[in-house]
Amino acid sequence: MLSEVDTAKGFQDFLPPESLKRRAVREVIEKYFRLFGFLPIETPVVEFDELMRPDTLQGEDEAVSDRFRLKDRGGRNLGLRYEFTFQLARIFKSNPNLKLPFKRYQIGENFRDEPVGPGRFRQFTQCDIDIVGDAGIEADAEVLAAAHAIFSALKIDTIIYVNNRKLLGALIDSVQISDKQAVMRELDKLQKIGEDMVKSNLRKYADANQILTLFKLLEKNLSFFLENVFDGAREIEELQKRCKLYGVKVQLDPTMIRGLSYYTGNIFEVRLPGTTSSIAGGGRYDKVVGKYLQRDLPAVGISFGLERVTALAAIETPTPIMATVISFNKDAQAIALVQLLRDSGISCVFASGKPAKALDYANSLQIPYAIFIGDDEIAKKKVKLKDMKSGAERYVGEKQLITLLRKASATPMTFVPAQPAEDTAKDKQ
């Protein structure tokens, strides 16, 4: 027996007003996804466990190893999806004739059986866009422009950092370190354990001079990499030029790694200024989507967690409930008015019984207006309208009432951002 009734560890409820802000943020995100030509898809939360394992890729990322594993009654090995991207490979296997480029977006729940901490949960809502079938840098720029438009609309100040997997590999090759993957794995820990510890760990794969030279290279700018014809540098330059056409600025971070198992070209990370805190990430992964078709399908995408973005967003949204209609033993007339208001696009609730209880309920939900209907109102052929904020009351006819409430509903509620929290981005690994 449970000692107390609570949510399972790592899961959470969302109640008003937070649920209202989440809905408003999600609507902004979907608006811009559609404006950029991305179309929605939906996929199952449960997949075969074998599908979620990287098999042909180079080892499991932390996100993959943290997946929830299940068994059904038939003994089949299943799991809860931990992201959306791996499902694209199955979709293209089942639908090989999908028109390319395939621009899709998806917003939904994902799950990871990982340690729980401040701002880190085992269920999260991920927002993804991907372009499959376009190998051009313009596709990379398109997903970054969409993300930039969303964060600008939500009044979240961000900086977009980019790197290229080919460039990083070329830098490691240039200092003649053979175990490229191991070096990248250690470099990926820079923000967590610091430069000194990373250098110490790298002694397993390189000598002191190689490590020193590598870190000096990682401090160079794009011009240096272009002049010395490092692989991947030209792709970053082209991405910068393309993004500039959208009015989007991107900065090079040669130390950025991101998911080792599948990125093949440009990689992205969206951070808050002055921090290492990431709120979105992604990149180009040309060897994942077509793996069941035995061919490469170029793909690029970016994703971010709704929880993280909602906490940071400053957004306005219409007041959810505009009025409560309170009946003084005139339920038929009050319900008729409720129907009229709803038919006019005005949200409202109906209340009868004790007025004090109805008004207390309205205050608890921050409903801005109360409408009274009793004998006096019926005799006057008007209703009494009370402004719950100022306390002012007046009699108005139905047409005037609708006009007033429509005008008032255009005045949005304002949600301000929370203080920056720990990095909880559940973006592409």
Protein backbone atom coordinates (compact mmCIF):
# COMPACT_ATOMS: atom_id res chain seq x y z
CA MET A 1 0.00 0.00 0.00
CA LEU A 2 1.20 3.53 -0.81
CA SER A 3 2.28 5.48 2.25
CA GLU A 4 1.19 8.65 0.48
CA VAL A 5 -0.55 9.57 -2.75
CA ASP A 6 1.88 11.32 -5.07
CA THR A 7 3.13 11.35 -8.65
CA ALA A 8 5.75 8.77 -9.56
CA LYS A 9 9.30 10.01 -9.12
CA GLY A 10 10.37 12.12 -12.08
CA PHE A 11 6.85 12.92 -13.31
CA GLN A 12 4.74 16.02 -12.75
CA ASP A 13 1.31 17.60 -13.11
CA PHE A 14 0.61 20.94 -14.81
CA LEU A 15 -2.30 22.97 -13.42
CA PRO A 16 -3.52 26.54 -14.15
CA PRO A 17 -1.97 29.03 -14.55
CA GLU A 18 1.14 27.07 -15.61
CA SER A 19 -0.90 24.83 -17.90
CA LEU A 20 -2.29 27.93 -19.62
CA LYS A 21 1.19 29.28 -20.23
CA ARG A 22 2.34 25.91 -21.60
CA ARG A 23 -0.60 25.88 -24.00
CA ALA A 24 0.11 29.44 -25.14
CA VAL A 25 3.82 28.69 -25.70
CA ARG A 26 2.97 25.53 -27.61
CA GLU A 27 0.62 27.48 -29.88
CA VAL A 28 3.42 29.95 -30.70
CA ILE A 29 5.79 27.09 -31.47
CA GLU A 30 3.29 25.34 -33.75
CA LYS A 31 2.46 28.62 -35.48
CA TYR A 32 6.08 29.12 -36.56
CA PHE A 33 6.61 25.46 -37.44
CA ARG A 34 3.70 25.77 -39.87
CA LEU A 35 4.84 29.17 -41.17
CA PHE A 36 8.15 27.57 -42.15
CA GLY A 37 6.35 24.83 -44.07
CA PHE A 38 6.71 21.98 -41.59
CA LEU A 39 3.80 19.53 -41.42
CA PRO A 40 2.70 17.66 -38.28
CA ILE A 41 3.12 13.93 -37.74
CA GLU A 42 2.25 11.68 -34.80
CA THR A 43 4.03 8.49 -33.79
CA PRO A 44 3.50 5.82 -31.10
CA VAL A 45 4.90 6.32 -27.63
CA VAL A 46 5.75 2.59 -27.51
CA GLU A 47 8.22 1.05 -29.98
CA PHE A 48 10.12 -2.22 -30.30
CA ASP A 49 13.20 -2.00 -28.11
CA GLU A 50 15.35 -3.23 -30.98
CA LEU A 51 14.31 -0.20 -33.04
CA MET A 52 15.60 2.13 -30.33
CA ARG A 53 19.05 0.57 -30.16
CA PRO A 54 21.63 2.16 -32.48
CA ASP A 55 22.91 -1.21 -33.86
CA THR A 56 24.79 0.10 -36.92
CA LEU A 57 25.90 3.24 -35.10
CA GLN A 58 28.91 3.65 -32.85
CA GLY A 59 27.68 2.78 -29.39
CA GLU A 60 24.78 4.07 -27.32
CA ASP A 61 24.37 7.68 -26.24
CA GLU A 62 23.26 8.32 -22.69
CA ALA A 63 19.75 9.10 -23.91
CA VAL A 64 19.50 5.67 -25.54
CA SER A 65 20.85 3.78 -22.55
CA ASP A 66 18.36 5.63 -20.31
CA ARG A 67 15.33 4.45 -22.26
CA PHE A 68 12.42 2.81 -20.40
CA ARG A 69 12.21 -0.90 -21.25
CA LEU A 70 8.92 -2.82 -21.25
CA LYS A 71 7.50 -6.24 -22.11
CA ASP A 72 4.00 -6.89 -23.40
CA ARG A 73 1.89 -10.00 -22.66
CA GLY A 74 3.47 -11.76 -25.60
CA GLY A 75 6.92 -11.31 -24.10
CA ARG A 76 8.03 -8.85 -26.78
CA ASN A 77 10.75 -6.39 -25.83
CA LEU A 78 9.33 -2.88 -26.06
CA GLY A 79 10.22 0.57 -24.77
CA LEU A 80 8.98 4.11 -24.38
CA ARG A 81 10.36 6.50 -26.98
CA TYR A 82 13.14 8.71 -25.64
CA GLU A 83 13.08 11.07 -28.66
CA PHE A 84 11.44 11.32 -32.10
CA THR A 85 14.34 11.14 -34.53
CA PHE A 86 14.96 7.39 -34.50
CA GLN A 87 11.30 6.86 -35.47
CA LEU A 88 11.92 8.58 -38.80
CA ALA A 89 13.96 5.58 -39.96
CA ARG A 90 10.96 3.30 -39.35
CA ILE A 91 8.60 5.75 -41.04
CA PHE A 92 10.71 5.84 -44.21
CA LYS A 93 11.01 2.05 -44.23
CA SER A 94 7.20 1.79 -44.12
CA ASN A 95 6.67 4.75 -46.49
CA PRO A 96 9.59 4.70 -48.96
CA ASN A 97 7.75 6.86 -51.47
CA LEU A 98 7.32 9.89 -49.24
CA LYS A 99 7.84 13.05 -51.27
CA LEU A 100 11.19 14.67 -50.60
CA PRO A 101 12.17 16.94 -49.03
CA PHE A 102 9.99 15.78 -46.15
CA LYS A 103 9.53 18.63 -43.67
CA ARG A 104 7.90 17.46 -40.50
CA TYR A 105 7.28 18.72 -36.99
CA GLN A 106 6.23 16.86 -33.90
CA ILE A 107 5.38 17.91 -30.37
CA GLY A 108 4.79 15.20 -27.81
CA GLU A 109 5.82 13.25 -24.76
CA ASN A 110 9.12 11.42 -24.45
CA PHE A 111 10.55 9.39 -21.58
CA ARG A 112 13.98 8.72 -20.11
CA ASP A 113 14.75 6.61 -17.06
CA GLU A 114 17.48 8.95 -15.88
CA PRO A 115 18.40 10.44 -12.50
CA VAL A 116 15.94 13.06 -11.29
CA GLY A 117 17.11 16.48 -10.13
CA PRO A 118 16.09 20.14 -10.07
CA GLY A 119 14.39 20.82 -13.40
CA ARG A 120 15.04 17.28 -14.69
CA PHE A 121 12.13 14.89 -15.14
CA ARG A 122 11.56 11.46 -16.69
CA GLN A 123 8.67 12.62 -18.85
CA PHE A 124 9.07 15.72 -20.97
CA THR A 125 7.44 17.34 -23.98
CA GLN A 126 9.78 17.61 -26.93
CA CYS A 127 9.35 19.93 -29.91
CA ASP A 128 11.08 18.75 -33.11
CA ILE A 129 11.49 19.88 -36.70
CA ASP A 130 13.36 17.93 -39.34
CA ILE A 131 14.02 18.18 -43.06
CA VAL A 132 14.70 14.82 -44.71
CA GLY A 133 15.97 14.52 -48.27
CA ASP A 134 17.73 17.86 -48.64
CA ALA A 135 21.54 17.75 -48.44
CA GLY A 136 21.96 21.49 -48.95
CA ILE A 137 23.16 23.94 -46.31
CA GLU A 138 19.96 25.91 -46.95
CA ALA A 139 18.08 23.20 -45.02
CA ASP A 140 20.42 23.68 -42.04
CA ALA A 141 19.74 27.42 -42.16
CA GLU A 142 15.99 26.88 -42.43
CA VAL A 143 15.75 24.95 -39.16
CA LEU A 144 17.91 27.52 -37.38
CA ALA A 145 15.78 30.37 -38.75
CA ALA A 146 12.62 28.65 -37.49
CA ALA A 147 14.09 28.20 -34.01
CA HIS A 148 15.29 31.81 -33.95
CA ALA A 149 11.82 33.06 -34.95
CA ILE A 150 10.21 31.06 -32.13
CA PHE A 151 12.57 32.24 -29.41
CA SER A 152 12.25 35.84 -30.62
CA ALA A 153 8.44 35.60 -30.51
CA LEU A 154 8.65 34.24 -26.95
CA LYS A 155 11.07 37.05 -25.99
CA ILE A 156 13.86 34.64 -25.06
CA ASP A 157 17.29 36.14 -25.68
CA THR A 158 19.54 33.48 -27.22
CA ILE A 159 22.83 32.90 -29.03
CA ILE A 160 23.14 30.19 -31.68
CA TYR A 161 26.43 28.30 -31.69
CA VAL A 162 27.51 26.00 -34.51
CA ASN A 163 30.28 23.52 -35.19
CA ASN A 164 30.89 20.80 -37.75
CA ARG A 165 31.63 17.16 -37.05
CA LYS A 166 33.97 17.01 -40.07
CA LEU A 167 35.92 20.01 -38.79
CA LEU A 168 36.36 18.50 -35.36
CA GLY A 169 37.53 15.24 -36.89
CA ALA A 170 39.99 17.11 -39.11
CA LEU A 171 41.45 18.97 -36.12
CA ILE A 172 42.05 15.71 -34.27
CA ASP A 173 43.58 14.12 -37.38
CA SER A 174 45.90 17.11 -37.81
CA VAL A 175 47.60 16.38 -34.48
CA GLN A 176 47.83 12.69 -35.39
CA ILE A 177 45.69 11.25 -32.58
CA SER A 178 44.32 7.93 -33.81
CA ASP A 179 41.31 7.30 -31.52
CA LYS A 180 39.10 10.09 -32.79
CA GLN A 181 35.89 8.91 -31.09
CA ALA A 182 37.56 8.61 -27.70
CA VAL A 183 38.97 12.15 -27.98
CA MET A 184 35.57 13.55 -28.94
CA ARG A 185 34.02 11.73 -26.00
CA GLU A 186 36.46 13.41 -23.63
CA LEU A 187 36.07 16.85 -25.24
CA ASP A 188 32.32 16.51 -24.75
CA LYS A 189 32.96 16.71 -20.99
CA LEU A 190 34.59 20.17 -21.11
CA GLN A 191 31.62 22.04 -19.64
CA LYS A 192 31.04 19.40 -16.95
CA ILE A 193 34.53 18.70 -15.59
CA GLY A 194 36.68 21.54 -16.95
CA GLU A 195 39.70 21.80 -19.22
CA ASP A 196 42.31 20.47 -16.78
CA MET A 197 40.42 17.23 -16.15
CA VAL A 198 39.75 16.73 -19.87
CA LYS A 199 43.44 17.21 -20.67
CA SER A 200 44.33 14.71 -17.97
CA ASN A 201 41.87 12.17 -19.39
CA LEU A 202 43.24 12.68 -22.91
CA ARG A 203 46.67 11.44 -21.79
CA LYS A 204 45.27 7.92 -22.35
CA TYR A 205 45.10 8.65 -26.08
CA ALA A 206 47.75 11.30 -26.82
CA ASP A 207 50.98 12.78 -25.53
CA ALA A 208 51.30 16.22 -23.93
CA ASN A 209 52.39 17.98 -27.15
CA GLN A 210 49.47 16.56 -29.12
CA ILE A 211 47.00 17.66 -26.46
CA LEU A 212 48.54 21.14 -26.22
CA THR A 213 48.44 21.57 -30.00
CA LEU A 214 44.83 20.35 -30.18
CA PHE A 215 43.65 22.86 -27.57
CA LYS A 216 45.49 25.68 -29.35
CA LEU A 217 43.65 24.72 -32.55
CA LEU A 218 40.32 24.73 -30.70
CA GLU A 219 40.93 28.41 -29.87
CA LYS A 220 41.26 29.42 -33.53
CA ASN A 221 38.58 31.24 -35.48
CA LEU A 222 36.82 30.26 -38.68
CA SER A 223 39.17 32.30 -40.86
CA PHE A 224 42.10 30.17 -39.69
CA PHE A 225 40.25 26.95 -40.50
CA LEU A 226 39.28 28.27 -43.95
CA GLU A 227 42.82 29.43 -44.75
CA ASN A 228 44.22 26.04 -43.77
CA VAL A 229 41.49 24.18 -45.69
CA PHE A 230 40.18 22.12 -42.77
CA ASP A 231 37.33 19.82 -43.77
CA GLY A 232 33.93 21.18 -42.64
CA ALA A 233 35.05 24.82 -42.39
CA ARG A 234 33.50 25.72 -45.74
CA GLU A 235 30.16 24.26 -44.61
CA ILE A 236 30.17 26.47 -41.52
CA GLU A 237 30.99 29.53 -43.63
CA GLU A 238 28.13 28.74 -46.00
CA LEU A 239 25.78 28.24 -43.04
CA GLN A 240 26.72 31.64 -41.63
CA LYS A 241 26.02 33.27 -45.00
CA ARG A 242 22.68 31.50 -45.36
CA CYS A 243 21.60 32.40 -41.84
CA LYS A 244 22.51 36.04 -42.45
CA LEU A 245 19.91 36.12 -45.24
CA TYR A 246 17.31 35.28 -42.57
CA GLY A 247 18.70 37.92 -40.21
CA VAL A 248 20.07 35.17 -37.96
CA LYS A 249 23.58 35.34 -36.51
CA VAL A 250 25.47 32.16 -35.63
CA GLN A 251 28.79 31.82 -33.81
CA LEU A 252 31.42 29.11 -34.11
CA ASP A 253 32.26 26.98 -31.08
CA PRO A 254 34.96 24.47 -32.16
CA THR A 255 34.70 22.60 -28.86
CA MET A 256 31.02 21.71 -29.26
CA ILE A 257 30.49 17.97 -29.77
CA ARG A 258 26.84 16.89 -29.31
CA GLY A 259 25.68 13.32 -29.94
CA LEU A 260 28.57 11.18 -31.04
CA SER A 261 26.45 8.40 -32.47
CA TYR A 262 24.90 10.05 -35.50
CA TYR A 263 25.81 13.65 -36.38
CA THR A 264 27.68 13.89 -39.66
CA GLY A 265 28.00 17.60 -40.50
CA ASN A 266 26.94 20.92 -39.00
CA ILE A 267 25.74 20.79 -35.40
CA PHE A 268 23.85 23.49 -33.50
CA GLU A 269 23.22 24.58 -29.95
CA VAL A 270 21.03 27.46 -28.77
CA ARG A 271 22.19 28.94 -25.46
CA LEU A 272 21.27 31.73 -23.10
CA PRO A 273 23.75 34.65 -23.28
CA GLY A 274 26.57 34.51 -20.77
CA THR A 275 25.91 30.88 -19.85
CA THR A 276 26.68 27.38 -21.05
CA SER A 277 22.99 26.56 -20.60
CA SER A 278 21.53 24.97 -23.72
CA ILE A 279 17.82 25.27 -24.52
CA ALA A 280 17.85 23.67 -27.98
CA GLY A 281 20.13 21.61 -30.14
CA GLY A 282 20.42 19.59 -33.29
CA GLY A 283 22.36 19.20 -36.48
CA ARG A 284 22.82 17.18 -39.65
CA TYR A 285 22.54 13.40 -39.46
CA ASP A 286 22.78 11.88 -42.95
CA LYS A 287 23.26 8.21 -41.98
CA VAL A 288 20.26 7.54 -39.72
CA VAL A 289 16.94 7.93 -41.53
CA GLY A 290 17.75 5.69 -44.48
CA LYS A 291 19.39 2.84 -42.54
CA TYR A 292 16.50 0.37 -43.13
CA LEU A 293 16.47 1.31 -46.83
CA GLN A 294 20.19 0.48 -47.14
CA ARG A 295 20.97 3.97 -48.36
CA ASP A 296 21.83 7.36 -46.92
CA LEU A 297 19.04 9.90 -46.66
CA PRO A 298 20.26 13.43 -45.84
CA ALA A 299 18.52 14.89 -42.80
CA VAL A 300 18.83 17.87 -40.50
CA GLY A 301 16.80 18.99 -37.51
CA ILE A 302 16.60 20.81 -34.22
CA SER A 303 14.57 20.23 -31.08
CA PHE A 304 13.90 21.63 -27.63
CA GLY A 305 11.92 20.85 -24.50
CA LEU A 306 8.61 22.60 -23.96
CA GLU A 307 9.20 22.75 -20.18
CA ARG A 308 12.47 24.65 -20.51
CA VAL A 309 11.14 27.08 -23.11
CA THR A 310 7.93 27.71 -21.14
CA ALA A 311 9.93 28.59 -18.01
CA LEU A 312 11.89 31.22 -19.97
CA ALA A 313 9.12 32.65 -22.15
CA ALA A 314 7.50 36.04 -21.67
CA ILE A 315 4.14 35.65 -23.38
CA GLU A 316 0.65 37.10 -23.47
CA THR A 317 -2.43 34.94 -23.87
CA PRO A 318 -6.18 35.66 -23.86
CA THR A 319 -7.93 35.38 -20.50
CA PRO A 320 -9.23 31.78 -20.43
CA ILE A 321 -12.61 32.45 -18.76
CA MET A 322 -14.12 35.88 -19.28
CA ALA A 323 -17.22 35.75 -17.08
CA THR A 324 -19.28 33.81 -14.58
CA VAL A 325 -23.05 34.06 -15.02
CA ILE A 326 -24.74 33.94 -11.60
CA SER A 327 -28.41 32.99 -11.41
CA PHE A 328 -30.80 34.23 -8.70
CA ASN A 329 -33.44 31.54 -9.20
CA LYS A 330 -33.54 32.33 -12.92
CA ASP A 331 -31.64 29.35 -14.26
CA ALA A 332 -33.46 29.14 -17.58
CA GLN A 333 -32.67 32.76 -18.45
CA ALA A 334 -29.11 32.48 -17.12
CA ILE A 335 -28.40 29.34 -19.18
CA ALA A 336 -29.85 31.05 -22.26
CA LEU A 337 -27.37 33.90 -21.71
CA VAL A 338 -24.51 31.43 -21.21
CA GLN A 339 -25.36 29.83 -24.54
CA LEU A 340 -25.53 33.23 -26.24
CA LEU A 341 -22.11 34.22 -24.88
CA ARG A 342 -20.52 30.92 -25.94
CA ASP A 343 -22.08 31.18 -29.40
CA SER A 344 -20.48 34.65 -29.57
CA GLY A 345 -17.06 33.18 -28.80
CA ILE A 346 -16.95 34.37 -25.18
CA SER A 347 -15.89 31.83 -22.57
CA CYS A 348 -18.01 31.71 -19.43
CA VAL A 349 -19.22 29.50 -16.60
CA PHE A 350 -22.66 29.14 -15.02
CA ALA A 351 -23.32 29.40 -11.29
CA SER A 352 -26.42 29.24 -9.13
CA GLY A 353 -26.96 29.10 -5.41
CA LYS A 354 -25.05 31.33 -3.01
CA PRO A 355 -23.61 34.40 -4.84
CA ALA A 356 -20.70 34.70 -2.36
CA LYS A 357 -19.54 31.20 -3.24
CA ALA A 358 -19.78 31.95 -6.97
CA LEU A 359 -17.81 35.18 -6.56
CA ASP A 360 -15.15 33.43 -4.50
CA TYR A 361 -14.82 30.82 -7.25
CA ALA A 362 -14.49 33.59 -9.87
CA ASN A 363 -11.74 35.27 -7.85
CA SER A 364 -9.85 32.00 -7.43
CA LEU A 365 -9.71 31.58 -11.24
CA GLN A 366 -9.11 35.29 -11.88
CA ILE A 367 -12.32 35.55 -13.91
CA PRO A 368 -12.58 39.28 -14.70
CA TYR A 369 -16.38 39.69 -14.84
CA ALA A 370 -19.48 38.47 -12.99
CA ILE A 371 -22.94 38.72 -14.58
CA PHE A 372 -26.05 38.61 -12.38
CA ILE A 373 -29.53 37.59 -13.49
CA GLY A 374 -32.48 37.87 -11.09
CA ASP A 375 -35.95 39.43 -10.88
CA ASP A 376 -34.62 43.00 -11.16
CA GLU A 377 -32.55 42.17 -14.24
CA ILE A 378 -35.45 40.40 -15.92
CA ALA A 379 -37.71 43.40 -15.23
CA LYS A 380 -35.14 45.81 -16.69
CA LYS A 381 -34.42 43.49 -19.64
CA LYS A 382 -30.75 43.92 -18.78
CA VAL A 383 -28.10 42.12 -16.76
CA LYS A 384 -25.88 43.42 -13.99
CA LEU A 385 -22.19 43.34 -14.96
CA LYS A 386 -19.57 43.46 -12.21
CA ASP A 387 -15.89 44.20 -12.84
CA MET A 388 -14.20 41.80 -10.42
CA LYS A 389 -11.03 43.89 -10.23
CA SER A 390 -12.52 47.32 -9.55
CA GLY A 391 -15.82 46.21 -8.01
CA ALA A 392 -17.77 48.58 -10.31
CA GLU A 393 -21.26 47.44 -11.32
CA ARG A 394 -23.65 48.56 -14.06
CA TYR A 395 -26.69 47.37 -16.00
CA VAL A 396 -26.17 46.54 -19.68
CA GLY A 397 -28.21 44.98 -22.46
CA GLU A 398 -27.17 41.74 -24.15
CA LYS A 399 -25.69 43.40 -27.25
CA GLN A 400 -23.67 45.86 -25.16
CA LEU A 401 -22.57 43.01 -22.90
CA ILE A 402 -21.22 41.00 -25.83
CA THR A 403 -19.40 44.05 -27.22
CA LEU A 404 -17.80 44.81 -23.85
CA LEU A 405 -16.69 41.23 -23.23
CA ARG A 406 -15.31 40.81 -26.73
CA LYS A 407 -13.26 43.95 -26.29
CA ALA A 408 -12.07 42.82 -22.86
CA SER A 409 -11.12 39.37 -24.18
CA ALA A 410 -8.66 41.05 -26.55
CA THR A 411 -6.68 42.19 -23.49
CA PRO A 412 -4.33 39.30 -22.80
CA MET A 413 -2.95 37.87 -19.61
CA THR A 414 0.81 38.35 -19.35
CA PHE A 415 3.16 35.56 -18.29
CA VAL A 416 6.67 36.56 -17.31
CA PRO A 417 9.67 34.25 -17.51
CA ALA A 418 10.93 32.34 -14.52
CA GLN A 419 14.49 32.72 -13.33
CA PRO A 420 16.94 30.73 -15.48
CA ALA A 421 17.09 27.18 -14.16
CA GLU A 422 19.39 24.25 -14.62
CA ASP A 423 19.80 23.09 -18.21
CA THR A 424 16.93 20.68 -18.87
CA ALA A 425 16.99 20.64 -22.64
CA LYS A 426 16.00 17.24 -24.02
CA ASP A 427 17.13 18.06 -27.52
CA LYS A 428 18.61 15.84 -30.21
CA GLN A 429 21.43 13.76 -28.88
